[in-house]
């Protein structure tokens, strides 16, 4: 379902648009790799598409997120993927898409490459 190479199209944090560096988010089965310039983050995805909203845990195994589990929600619309997660010291899974001023939620929109 999520397999492929995803290119960020935009992001929002705390109710504000956030510029993103060029990056690639590659998903193959339960594995992921994020490449941003010379940085590389790798790990495993645990997906619960039956949850409402659909849930995903991003479990870092190598790179800057190694040892971290980031609970998130996601939705797909055709070739578009939207991920929303909290970037705090003790992240919890968001219950809705979007960010609000003062929040620590990050929402990233991706388009499937190719």
PDB file of N, CA and C in Angstrom:
ATOM      1  N   UNK A   1       0.813  -1.195   0.000  1.00  0.00           N
ATOM      2  CA  UNK A   1       0.000   0.000   0.000  1.00  0.00           C
ATOM      3  C   UNK A   1       0.859   1.262   0.000  1.00  0.00           C
ATOM      4  N   UNK A   2       1.853   1.336   0.906  1.00  0.00           N
ATOM      5  CA  UNK A   2       2.693   2.524   0.985  1.00  0.00           C
ATOM      6  C   UNK A   2       4.012   2.381   0.239  1.00  0.00           C
ATOM      7  N   UNK A   3       4.269   1.199  -0.330  1.00  0.00           N
ATOM      8  CA  UNK A   3       5.541   0.977  -1.017  1.00  0.00           C
ATOM      9  C   UNK A   3       5.779   2.021  -2.103  1.00  0.00           C
ATOM     10  N   UNK A   4       7.016   2.482  -2.179  1.00  0.00           N
ATOM     11  CA  UNK A   4       7.400   3.419  -3.227  1.00  0.00           C
ATOM     12  C   UNK A   4       8.327   4.487  -2.689  1.00  0.00           C
ATOM     13  N   UNK A   5       8.642   5.429  -3.557  1.00  0.00           N
ATOM     14  CA  UNK A   5       9.472   6.573  -3.192  1.00  0.00           C
ATOM     15  C   UNK A   5       8.568   7.786  -3.108  1.00  0.00           C
ATOM     16  N   UNK A   6       8.613   8.447  -1.969  1.00  0.00           N
ATOM     17  CA  UNK A   6       7.750   9.589  -1.688  1.00  0.00           C
ATOM     18  C   UNK A   6       8.606  10.852  -1.577  1.00  0.00           C
ATOM     19  N   UNK A   7       8.161  11.903  -2.252  1.00  0.00           N
ATOM     20  CA  UNK A   7       8.877  13.179  -2.263  1.00  0.00           C
ATOM     21  C   UNK A   7       8.039  14.205  -1.497  1.00  0.00           C
ATOM     22  N   UNK A   8       8.614  14.864  -0.487  1.00  0.00           N
ATOM     23  CA  UNK A   8       7.846  15.852   0.277  1.00  0.00           C
ATOM     24  C   UNK A   8       7.386  17.004  -0.621  1.00  0.00           C
ATOM     25  N   UNK A   9       6.139  17.392  -0.434  1.00  0.00           N
ATOM     26  CA  UNK A   9       5.552  18.493  -1.195  1.00  0.00           C
ATOM     27  C   UNK A   9       5.334  19.723  -0.327  1.00  0.00           C
ATOM     28  N   UNK A  10       5.269  19.520   0.969  1.00  0.00           N
ATOM     29  CA  UNK A  10       5.064  20.637   1.882  1.00  0.00           C
ATOM     30  C   UNK A  10       4.898  20.130   3.295  1.00  0.00           C
ATOM     31  N   UNK A  11       5.008  21.042   4.251  1.00  0.00           N
ATOM     32  CA  UNK A  11       4.872  20.672   5.651  1.00  0.00           C
ATOM     33  C   UNK A  11       4.309  21.842   6.433  1.00  0.00           C
ATOM     34  N   UNK A  12       3.767  21.488   7.587  1.00  0.00           N
ATOM     35  CA  UNK A  12       3.188  22.479   8.483  1.00  0.00           C
ATOM     36  C   UNK A  12       3.567  22.101   9.908  1.00  0.00           C
ATOM     37  N   UNK A  13       3.947  23.088  10.703  1.00  0.00           N
ATOM     38  CA  UNK A  13       4.284  22.857  12.105  1.00  0.00           C
ATOM     39  C   UNK A  13       3.716  24.002  12.927  1.00  0.00           C
ATOM     40  N   UNK A  14       2.989  23.677  13.971  1.00  0.00           N
ATOM     41  CA  UNK A  14       2.436  24.715  14.842  1.00  0.00           C
ATOM     42  C   UNK A  14       1.588  25.727  14.106  1.00  0.00           C
ATOM     43  N   UNK A  15       0.856  25.273  13.092  1.00  0.00           N
ATOM     44  CA  UNK A  15      -0.023  26.165  12.339  1.00  0.00           C
ATOM     45  C   UNK A  15       0.668  26.989  11.265  1.00  0.00           C
ATOM     46  N   UNK A  16       1.966  26.782  11.072  1.00  0.00           N
ATOM     47  CA  UNK A  16       2.737  27.557  10.093  1.00  0.00           C
ATOM     48  C   UNK A  16       3.322  26.645   9.024  1.00  0.00           C
ATOM     49  N   UNK A  17       3.372  27.161   7.801  1.00  0.00           N
ATOM     50  CA  UNK A  17       4.042  26.444   6.715  1.00  0.00           C
ATOM     51  C   UNK A  17       5.522  26.318   7.066  1.00  0.00           C
ATOM     52  N   UNK A  18       6.098  25.165   6.736  1.00  0.00           N
ATOM     53  CA  UNK A  18       7.488  24.890   7.088  1.00  0.00           C
ATOM     54  C   UNK A  18       8.262  24.525   5.827  1.00  0.00           C
ATOM     55  N   UNK A  19       9.350  25.243   5.515  1.00  0.00           N
ATOM     56  CA  UNK A  19      10.141  24.865   4.343  1.00  0.00           C
ATOM     57  C   UNK A  19      10.860  23.542   4.593  1.00  0.00           C
ATOM     58  N   UNK A  20      10.948  22.726   3.564  1.00  0.00           N
ATOM     59  CA  UNK A  20      11.603  21.425   3.679  1.00  0.00           C
ATOM     60  C   UNK A  20      12.782  21.342   2.728  1.00  0.00           C
ATOM     61  N   UNK A  21      13.880  20.719   3.166  1.00  0.00           N
ATOM     62  CA  UNK A  21      14.988  20.481   2.242  1.00  0.00           C
ATOM     63  C   UNK A  21      14.596  19.356   1.288  1.00  0.00           C
ATOM     64  N   UNK A  22      15.249  19.257   0.141  1.00  0.00           N
ATOM     65  CA  UNK A  22      14.984  18.127  -0.753  1.00  0.00           C
ATOM     66  C   UNK A  22      15.226  16.813  -0.011  1.00  0.00           C
ATOM     67  N   UNK A  23      14.302  15.873  -0.163  1.00  0.00           N
ATOM     68  CA  UNK A  23      14.407  14.596   0.545  1.00  0.00           C
ATOM     69  C   UNK A  23      13.681  13.512  -0.235  1.00  0.00           C
ATOM     70  N   UNK A  24      13.935  12.265   0.176  1.00  0.00           N
ATOM     71  CA  UNK A  24      13.243  11.092  -0.370  1.00  0.00           C
ATOM     72  C   UNK A  24      12.872  10.189   0.796  1.00  0.00           C
ATOM     73  N   UNK A  25      11.637   9.716   0.801  1.00  0.00           N
ATOM     74  CA  UNK A  25      11.131   8.801   1.820  1.00  0.00           C
ATOM     75  C   UNK A  25      10.787   7.522   1.075  1.00  0.00           C
ATOM     76  N   UNK A  26      11.623   6.494   1.233  1.00  0.00           N
ATOM     77  CA  UNK A  26      11.475   5.254   0.483  1.00  0.00           C
ATOM     78  C   UNK A  26      10.905   4.183   1.426  1.00  0.00           C
ATOM     79  N   UNK A  27       9.790   3.579   1.000  1.00  0.00           N
ATOM     80  CA  UNK A  27       9.151   2.528   1.789  1.00  0.00           C
ATOM     81  C   UNK A  27       9.157   1.245   0.967  1.00  0.00           C
ATOM     82  N   UNK A  28       9.648   0.171   1.567  1.00  0.00           N
ATOM     83  CA  UNK A  28       9.657  -1.152   0.931  1.00  0.00           C
ATOM     84  C   UNK A  28       9.191  -2.153   1.982  1.00  0.00           C
ATOM     85  N   UNK A  29       7.942  -2.568   1.877  1.00  0.00           N
ATOM     86  CA  UNK A  29       7.375  -3.460   2.886  1.00  0.00           C
ATOM     87  C   UNK A  29       7.297  -2.740   4.211  1.00  0.00           C
ATOM     88  N   UNK A  30       7.891  -3.320   5.228  1.00  0.00           N
ATOM     89  CA  UNK A  30       7.868  -2.708   6.554  1.00  0.00           C
ATOM     90  C   UNK A  30       9.107  -1.856   6.823  1.00  0.00           C
ATOM     91  N   UNK A  31      10.008  -1.721   5.858  1.00  0.00           N
ATOM     92  CA  UNK A  31      11.239  -0.954   6.033  1.00  0.00           C
ATOM     93  C   UNK A  31      11.105   0.435   5.396  1.00  0.00           C
ATOM     94  N   UNK A  32      11.798   1.400   5.979  1.00  0.00           N
ATOM     95  CA  UNK A  32      11.833   2.738   5.386  1.00  0.00           C
ATOM     96  C   UNK A  32      13.249   3.296   5.436  1.00  0.00           C
ATOM     97  N   UNK A  33      13.513   4.213   4.518  1.00  0.00           N
ATOM     98  CA  UNK A  33      14.751   4.989   4.498  1.00  0.00           C
ATOM     99  C   UNK A  33      14.365   6.418   4.142  1.00  0.00           C
ATOM    100  N   UNK A  34      14.861   7.381   4.900  1.00  0.00           N
ATOM    101  CA  UNK A  34      14.691   8.790   4.571  1.00  0.00           C
ATOM    102  C   UNK A  34      16.075   9.333   4.266  1.00  0.00           C
ATOM    103  N   UNK A  35      16.218   9.930   3.082  1.00  0.00           N
ATOM    104  CA  UNK A  35      17.488  10.535   2.671  1.00  0.00           C
ATOM    105  C   UNK A  35      17.274  12.030   2.485  1.00  0.00           C
ATOM    106  N   UNK A  36      18.075  12.810   3.230  1.00  0.00           N
ATOM    107  CA  UNK A  36      18.038  14.265   3.129  1.00  0.00           C
ATOM    108  C   UNK A  36      19.473  14.734   3.022  1.00  0.00           C
ATOM    109  N   UNK A  37      19.889  15.142   1.844  1.00  0.00           N
ATOM    110  CA  UNK A  37      21.289  15.519   1.657  1.00  0.00           C
ATOM    111  C   UNK A  37      22.179  14.333   1.977  1.00  0.00           C
ATOM    112  N   UNK A  38      23.125  14.522   2.902  1.00  0.00           N
ATOM    113  CA  UNK A  38      24.026  13.440   3.306  1.00  0.00           C
ATOM    114  C   UNK A  38      23.479  12.623   4.472  1.00  0.00           C
ATOM    115  N   UNK A  39      22.367  13.067   5.065  1.00  0.00           N
ATOM    116  CA  UNK A  39      21.796  12.363   6.219  1.00  0.00           C
ATOM    117  C   UNK A  39      20.908  11.215   5.752  1.00  0.00           C
ATOM    118  N   UNK A  40      20.920  10.139   6.542  1.00  0.00           N
ATOM    119  CA  UNK A  40      20.126   8.949   6.215  1.00  0.00           C
ATOM    120  C   UNK A  40      19.515   8.412   7.508  1.00  0.00           C
ATOM    121  N   UNK A  41      18.223   8.197   7.487  1.00  0.00           N
ATOM    122  CA  UNK A  41      17.486   7.657   8.624  1.00  0.00           C
ATOM    123  C   UNK A  41      16.820   6.368   8.157  1.00  0.00           C
ATOM    124  N   UNK A  42      16.953   5.293   8.934  1.00  0.00           N
ATOM    125  CA  UNK A  42      16.392   4.001   8.533  1.00  0.00           C
ATOM    126  C   UNK A  42      15.595   3.402   9.672  1.00  0.00           C
ATOM    127  N   UNK A  43      14.647   2.539   9.303  1.00  0.00           N
ATOM    128  CA  UNK A  43      13.902   1.869  10.349  1.00  0.00           C
ATOM    129  C   UNK A  43      12.790   0.993   9.818  1.00  0.00           C
ATOM    130  N   UNK A  44      11.837   0.753  10.711  1.00  0.00           N
ATOM    131  CA  UNK A  44      10.722  -0.146  10.452  1.00  0.00           C
ATOM    132  C   UNK A  44       9.421   0.616  10.663  1.00  0.00           C
ATOM    133  N   UNK A  45       8.415   0.286   9.859  1.00  0.00           N
ATOM    134  CA  UNK A  45       7.086   0.861  10.004  1.00  0.00           C
ATOM    135  C   UNK A  45       6.125  -0.197  10.505  1.00  0.00           C
ATOM    136  N   UNK A  46       5.344   0.149  11.510  1.00  0.00           N
ATOM    137  CA  UNK A  46       4.254  -0.714  11.981  1.00  0.00           C
ATOM    138  C   UNK A  46       2.960   0.009  11.639  1.00  0.00           C
ATOM    139  N   UNK A  47       2.188  -0.584  10.749  1.00  0.00           N
ATOM    140  CA  UNK A  47       1.012   0.075  10.191  1.00  0.00           C
ATOM    141  C   UNK A  47      -0.263  -0.593  10.692  1.00  0.00           C
ATOM    142  N   UNK A  48      -1.236   0.225  11.088  1.00  0.00           N
ATOM    143  CA  UNK A  48      -2.570  -0.238  11.451  1.00  0.00           C
ATOM    144  C   UNK A  48      -3.568   0.555  10.604  1.00  0.00           C
ATOM    145  N   UNK A  49      -3.803   0.059   9.379  1.00  0.00           N
ATOM    146  CA  UNK A  49      -4.690   0.754   8.452  1.00  0.00           C
ATOM    147  C   UNK A  49      -6.149   0.655   8.887  1.00  0.00           C
ATOM    148  N   UNK A  50      -6.484  -0.273   9.792  1.00  0.00           N
ATOM    149  CA  UNK A  50      -7.860  -0.426  10.250  1.00  0.00           C
ATOM    150  C   UNK A  50      -8.228   0.608  11.315  1.00  0.00           C
ATOM    151  N   UNK A  51      -7.230   1.247  11.922  1.00  0.00           N
ATOM    152  CA  UNK A  51      -7.503   2.270  12.935  1.00  0.00           C
ATOM    153  C   UNK A  51      -8.132   3.490  12.267  1.00  0.00           C
ATOM    154  N   UNK A  52      -8.802   4.320  13.057  1.00  0.00           N
ATOM    155  CA  UNK A  52      -9.396   5.552  12.543  1.00  0.00           C
ATOM    156  C   UNK A  52      -8.904   6.711  13.396  1.00  0.00           C
ATOM    157  N   UNK A  53      -8.087   7.622  12.842  1.00  0.00           N
ATOM    158  CA  UNK A  53      -7.457   7.534  11.529  1.00  0.00           C
ATOM    159  C   UNK A  53      -6.391   6.434  11.498  1.00  0.00           C
ATOM    160  N   UNK A  54      -5.987   6.063  10.278  1.00  0.00           N
ATOM    161  CA  UNK A  54      -4.974   5.014  10.103  1.00  0.00           C
ATOM    162  C   UNK A  54      -3.718   5.385  10.889  1.00  0.00           C
ATOM    163  N   UNK A  55      -3.160   4.409  11.593  1.00  0.00           N
ATOM    164  CA  UNK A  55      -2.020   4.655  12.478  1.00  0.00           C
ATOM    165  C   UNK A  55      -0.749   4.032  11.912  1.00  0.00           C
ATOM    166  N   UNK A  56       0.359   4.660  12.233  1.00  0.00           N
ATOM    167  CA  UNK A  56       1.655   4.146  11.822  1.00  0.00           C
ATOM    168  C   UNK A  56       2.666   4.494  12.917  1.00  0.00           C
ATOM    169  N   UNK A  57       3.506   3.534  13.270  1.00  0.00           N
ATOM    170  CA  UNK A  57       4.615   3.783  14.180  1.00  0.00           C
ATOM    171  C   UNK A  57       5.890   3.755  13.360  1.00  0.00           C
ATOM    172  N   UNK A  58       6.688   4.799  13.491  1.00  0.00           N
ATOM    173  CA  UNK A  58       7.956   4.917  12.787  1.00  0.00           C
ATOM    174  C   UNK A  58       9.038   4.571  13.812  1.00  0.00           C
ATOM    175  N   UNK A  59       9.697   3.435  13.618  1.00  0.00           N
ATOM    176  CA  UNK A  59      10.662   2.921  14.592  1.00  0.00           C
ATOM    177  C   UNK A  59      12.060   3.035  13.982  1.00  0.00           C
ATOM    178  N   UNK A  60      12.837   3.973  14.477  1.00  0.00           N
ATOM    179  CA  UNK A  60      14.176   4.203  13.943  1.00  0.00           C
ATOM    180  C   UNK A  60      15.164   3.132  14.384  1.00  0.00           C
ATOM    181  N   UNK A  61      15.950   2.621  13.424  1.00  0.00           N
ATOM    182  CA  UNK A  61      16.966   1.624  13.742  1.00  0.00           C
ATOM    183  C   UNK A  61      18.379   2.128  13.438  1.00  0.00           C
ATOM    184  N   UNK A  62      18.517   3.141  12.588  1.00  0.00           N
ATOM    185  CA  UNK A  62      19.829   3.708  12.253  1.00  0.00           C
ATOM    186  C   UNK A  62      19.640   5.171  11.887  1.00  0.00           C
ATOM    187  N   UNK A  63      20.618   5.994  12.205  1.00  0.00           N
ATOM    188  CA  UNK A  63      20.536   7.412  11.885  1.00  0.00           C
ATOM    189  C   UNK A  63      20.029   8.219  13.069  1.00  0.00           C
ATOM    190  N   UNK A  64      19.573   9.451  12.817  1.00  0.00           N
ATOM    191  CA  UNK A  64      19.217  10.358  13.912  1.00  0.00           C
ATOM    192  C   UNK A  64      18.038   9.892  14.757  1.00  0.00           C
ATOM    193  N   UNK A  65      17.191   9.011  14.246  1.00  0.00           N
ATOM    194  CA  UNK A  65      16.048   8.529  15.017  1.00  0.00           C
ATOM    195  C   UNK A  65      16.239   7.116  15.567  1.00  0.00           C
ATOM    196  N   UNK A  66      17.464   6.596  15.535  1.00  0.00           N
ATOM    197  CA  UNK A  66      17.735   5.252  16.056  1.00  0.00           C
ATOM    198  C   UNK A  66      17.300   5.166  17.514  1.00  0.00           C
ATOM    199  N   UNK A  67      16.551   4.114  17.819  1.00  0.00           N
ATOM    200  CA  UNK A  67      16.076   3.906  19.177  1.00  0.00           C
ATOM    201  C   UNK A  67      14.796   4.633  19.528  1.00  0.00           C
ATOM    202  N   UNK A  68      14.263   5.422  18.613  1.00  0.00           N
ATOM    203  CA  UNK A  68      13.030   6.180  18.867  1.00  0.00           C
ATOM    204  C   UNK A  68      11.854   5.520  18.160  1.00  0.00           C
ATOM    205  N   UNK A  69      10.693   5.620  18.775  1.00  0.00           N
ATOM    206  CA  UNK A  69       9.435   5.228  18.131  1.00  0.00           C
ATOM    207  C   UNK A  69       8.564   6.472  18.056  1.00  0.00           C
ATOM    208  N   UNK A  70       8.147   6.805  16.844  1.00  0.00           N
ATOM    209  CA  UNK A  70       7.336   7.994  16.621  1.00  0.00           C
ATOM    210  C   UNK A  70       5.937   7.548  16.205  1.00  0.00           C
ATOM    211  N   UNK A  71       4.927   7.702  17.085  1.00  0.00           N
ATOM    212  CA  UNK A  71       3.568   7.347  16.721  1.00  0.00           C
ATOM    213  C   UNK A  71       2.973   8.438  15.824  1.00  0.00           C
ATOM    214  N   UNK A  72       2.310   8.024  14.763  1.00  0.00           N
ATOM    215  CA  UNK A  72       1.770   8.984  13.797  1.00  0.00           C
ATOM    216  C   UNK A  72       0.446   8.478  13.247  1.00  0.00           C
ATOM    217  N   UNK A  73      -0.210   9.330  12.482  1.00  0.00           N
ATOM    218  CA  UNK A  73      -1.376   8.947  11.710  1.00  0.00           C
ATOM    219  C   UNK A  73      -1.074   9.246  10.246  1.00  0.00           C
ATOM    220  N   UNK A  74      -1.777   8.545   9.339  1.00  0.00           N
ATOM    221  CA  UNK A  74      -1.552   8.786   7.919  1.00  0.00           C
ATOM    222  C   UNK A  74      -2.841   8.616   7.141  1.00  0.00           C
ATOM    223  N   UNK A  75      -2.837   9.215   5.957  1.00  0.00           N
ATOM    224  CA  UNK A  75      -3.922   8.992   5.004  1.00  0.00           C
ATOM    225  C   UNK A  75      -3.355   9.103   3.609  1.00  0.00           C
ATOM    226  N   UNK A  76      -3.957   8.320   2.729  1.00  0.00           N
ATOM    227  CA  UNK A  76      -3.559   8.324   1.316  1.00  0.00           C
ATOM    228  C   UNK A  76      -4.751   8.737   0.483  1.00  0.00           C
ATOM    229  N   UNK A  77      -4.447   9.495  -0.541  1.00  0.00           N
ATOM    230  CA  UNK A  77      -5.438   9.884  -1.552  1.00  0.00           C
ATOM    231  C   UNK A  77      -4.734   9.776  -2.891  1.00  0.00           C
ATOM    232  N   UNK A  78      -4.980   8.654  -3.583  1.00  0.00           N
ATOM    233  CA  UNK A  78      -4.290   8.423  -4.851  1.00  0.00           C
ATOM    234  C   UNK A  78      -2.796   8.324  -4.625  1.00  0.00           C
ATOM    235  N   UNK A  79      -2.052   9.187  -5.262  1.00  0.00           N
ATOM    236  CA  UNK A  79      -0.591   9.191  -5.154  1.00  0.00           C
ATOM    237  C   UNK A  79      -0.087  10.177  -4.110  1.00  0.00           C
ATOM    238  N   UNK A  80      -0.972  10.625  -3.239  1.00  0.00           N
ATOM    239  CA  UNK A  80      -0.597  11.557  -2.174  1.00  0.00           C
ATOM    240  C   UNK A  80      -0.645  10.853  -0.825  1.00  0.00           C
ATOM    241  N   UNK A  81       0.334  11.134   0.018  1.00  0.00           N
ATOM    242  CA  UNK A  81       0.424  10.573   1.356  1.00  0.00           C
ATOM    243  C   UNK A  81       0.597  11.723   2.327  1.00  0.00           C
ATOM    244  N   UNK A  82      -0.159  11.686   3.407  1.00  0.00           N
ATOM    245  CA  UNK A  82      -0.053  12.706   4.436  1.00  0.00           C
ATOM    246  C   UNK A  82       0.258  12.010   5.762  1.00  0.00           C
ATOM    247  N   UNK A  83       1.311  12.464   6.428  1.00  0.00           N
ATOM    248  CA  UNK A  83       1.708  11.951   7.742  1.00  0.00           C
ATOM    249  C   UNK A  83       1.609  13.075   8.755  1.00  0.00           C
ATOM    250  N   UNK A  84       1.091  12.750   9.935  1.00  0.00           N
ATOM    251  CA  UNK A  84       1.000  13.746  11.004  1.00  0.00           C
ATOM    252  C   UNK A  84       1.520  13.105  12.279  1.00  0.00           C
ATOM    253  N   UNK A  85       2.475  13.765  12.935  1.00  0.00           N
ATOM    254  CA  UNK A  85       3.035  13.235  14.172  1.00  0.00           C
ATOM    255  C   UNK A  85       3.473  14.375  15.073  1.00  0.00           C
ATOM    256  N   UNK A  86       3.724  14.024  16.318  1.00  0.00           N
ATOM    257  CA  UNK A  86       4.134  14.996  17.308  1.00  0.00           C
ATOM    258  C   UNK A  86       5.648  14.934  17.473  1.00  0.00           C
ATOM    259  N   UNK A  87       6.271  16.088  17.580  1.00  0.00           N
ATOM    260  CA  UNK A  87       7.728  16.146  17.748  1.00  0.00           C
ATOM    261  C   UNK A  87       8.056  16.713  19.130  1.00  0.00           C
ATOM    262  N   UNK A  88       7.683  15.967  20.151  1.00  0.00           N
ATOM    263  CA  UNK A  88       8.000  16.364  21.522  1.00  0.00           C
ATOM    264  C   UNK A  88       8.911  15.302  22.129  1.00  0.00           C
ATOM    265  N   UNK A  89       9.370  15.547  23.341  1.00  0.00           N
ATOM    266  CA  UNK A  89      10.221  14.566  24.020  1.00  0.00           C
ATOM    267  C   UNK A  89       9.468  13.276  24.334  1.00  0.00           C
ATOM    268  N   UNK A  90       8.163  13.378  24.518  1.00  0.00           N
ATOM    269  CA  UNK A  90       7.323  12.204  24.781  1.00  0.00           C
ATOM    270  C   UNK A  90       6.149  12.231  23.801  1.00  0.00           C
ATOM    271  N   UNK A  91       6.427  11.895  22.535  1.00  0.00           N
ATOM    272  CA  UNK A  91       5.372  12.022  21.518  1.00  0.00           C
ATOM    273  C   UNK A  91       4.196  11.083  21.771  1.00  0.00           C
ATOM    274  N   UNK A  92       3.015  11.574  21.437  1.00  0.00           N
ATOM    275  CA  UNK A  92       1.813  10.747  21.458  1.00  0.00           C
ATOM    276  C   UNK A  92       1.153  10.858  20.102  1.00  0.00           C
ATOM    277  N   UNK A  93       0.370   9.876  19.763  1.00  0.00           N
ATOM    278  CA  UNK A  93      -0.246   9.827  18.443  1.00  0.00           C
ATOM    279  C   UNK A  93      -1.304  10.931  18.308  1.00  0.00           C
ATOM    280  N   UNK A  94      -1.232  11.725  17.243  1.00  0.00           N
ATOM    281  CA  UNK A  94      -2.288  12.719  17.011  1.00  0.00           C
ATOM    282  C   UNK A  94      -3.632  12.018  16.805  1.00  0.00           C
ATOM    283  N   UNK A  95      -4.702  12.739  17.064  1.00  0.00           N
ATOM    284  CA  UNK A  95      -6.036  12.180  16.839  1.00  0.00           C
ATOM    285  C   UNK A  95      -6.692  12.761  15.592  1.00  0.00           C
ATOM    286  N   UNK A  96      -6.087  13.825  15.038  1.00  0.00           N
ATOM    287  CA  UNK A  96      -6.637  14.458  13.835  1.00  0.00           C
ATOM    288  C   UNK A  96      -5.501  15.067  13.019  1.00  0.00           C
ATOM    289  N   UNK A  97      -5.754  15.271  11.734  1.00  0.00           N
ATOM    290  CA  UNK A  97      -4.770  15.884  10.843  1.00  0.00           C
ATOM    291  C   UNK A  97      -4.813  17.390  10.997  1.00  0.00           C
ATOM    292  N   UNK A  98      -3.645  17.999  10.934  1.00  0.00           N
ATOM    293  CA  UNK A  98      -3.540  19.445  11.014  1.00  0.00           C
ATOM    294  C   UNK A  98      -2.668  19.837  12.184  1.00  0.00           C
ATOM    295  N   UNK A  99      -2.299  21.093  12.200  1.00  0.00           N
ATOM    296  CA  UNK A  99      -1.510  21.637  13.294  1.00  0.00           C
ATOM    297  C   UNK A  99      -2.176  22.941  13.714  1.00  0.00           C
ATOM    298  N   UNK A 100      -1.930  23.341  14.923  1.00  0.00           N
ATOM    299  CA  UNK A 100      -2.494  24.579  15.444  1.00  0.00           C
ATOM    300  C   UNK A 100      -1.367  25.408  16.033  1.00  0.00           C
ATOM    301  N   UNK A 101      -1.527  26.722  16.073  1.00  0.00           N
ATOM    302  CA  UNK A 101      -0.495  27.553  16.695  1.00  0.00           C
ATOM    303  C   UNK A 101      -0.179  27.049  18.102  1.00  0.00           C
ATOM    304  N   UNK A 102       1.101  26.934  18.403  1.00  0.00           N
ATOM    305  CA  UNK A 102       1.541  26.473  19.704  1.00  0.00           C
ATOM    306  C   UNK A 102       1.623  24.962  19.847  1.00  0.00           C
ATOM    307  N   UNK A 103       1.109  24.219  18.864  1.00  0.00           N
ATOM    308  CA  UNK A 103       1.178  22.757  18.947  1.00  0.00           C
ATOM    309  C   UNK A 103       2.580  22.284  18.577  1.00  0.00           C
ATOM    310  N   UNK A 104       2.862  21.019  18.876  1.00  0.00           N
ATOM    311  CA  UNK A 104       4.133  20.419  18.495  1.00  0.00           C
ATOM    312  C   UNK A 104       3.890  19.309  17.472  1.00  0.00           C
ATOM    313  N   UNK A 105       2.799  19.444  16.720  1.00  0.00           N
ATOM    314  CA  UNK A 105       2.497  18.481  15.666  1.00  0.00           C
ATOM    315  C   UNK A 105       3.101  18.940  14.346  1.00  0.00           C
ATOM    316  N   UNK A 106       3.622  17.971  13.618  1.00  0.00           N
ATOM    317  CA  UNK A 106       4.195  18.193  12.296  1.00  0.00           C
ATOM    318  C   UNK A 106       3.379  17.390  11.299  1.00  0.00           C
ATOM    319  N   UNK A 107       2.966  18.024  10.228  1.00  0.00           N
ATOM    320  CA  UNK A 107       2.237  17.347   9.168  1.00  0.00           C
ATOM    321  C   UNK A 107       3.019  17.528   7.867  1.00  0.00           C
ATOM    322  N   UNK A 108       3.319  16.409   7.206  1.00  0.00           N
ATOM    323  CA  UNK A 108       4.085  16.436   5.965  1.00  0.00           C
ATOM    324  C   UNK A 108       3.252  15.799   4.864  1.00  0.00           C
ATOM    325  N   UNK A 109       3.233  16.450   3.699  1.00  0.00           N
ATOM    326  CA  UNK A 109       2.526  15.944   2.526  1.00  0.00           C
ATOM    327  C   UNK A 109       3.553  15.455   1.508  1.00  0.00           C
ATOM    328  N   UNK A 110       3.319  14.235   1.004  1.00  0.00           N
ATOM    329  CA  UNK A 110       4.226  13.599   0.038  1.00  0.00           C
ATOM    330  C   UNK A 110       3.465  13.251  -1.234  1.00  0.00           C
ATOM    331  N   UNK A 111       4.210  13.201  -2.337  1.00  0.00           N
ATOM    332  CA  UNK A 111       3.682  12.687  -3.607  1.00  0.00           C
ATOM    333  C   UNK A 111       4.573  11.520  -4.010  1.00  0.00           C
ATOM    334  N   UNK A 112       3.906  10.422  -4.451  1.00  0.00           N
ATOM    335  CA  UNK A 112       4.665   9.248  -4.878  1.00  0.00           C
ATOM    336  C   UNK A 112       5.421   9.579  -6.166  1.00  0.00           C
ATOM    337  N   UNK A 113       6.702   9.242  -6.187  1.00  0.00           N
ATOM    338  CA  UNK A 113       7.546   9.491  -7.356  1.00  0.00           C
ATOM    339  C   UNK A 113       7.267   8.444  -8.421  1.00  0.00           C
ATOM    340  N   UNK A 114       7.258   8.906  -9.644  1.00  0.00           N
ATOM    341  CA  UNK A 114       7.269   7.999 -10.736  1.00  0.00           C
ATOM    342  C   UNK A 114       6.071   7.552 -11.387  1.00  0.00           C
TER     343      UNK A 114
END
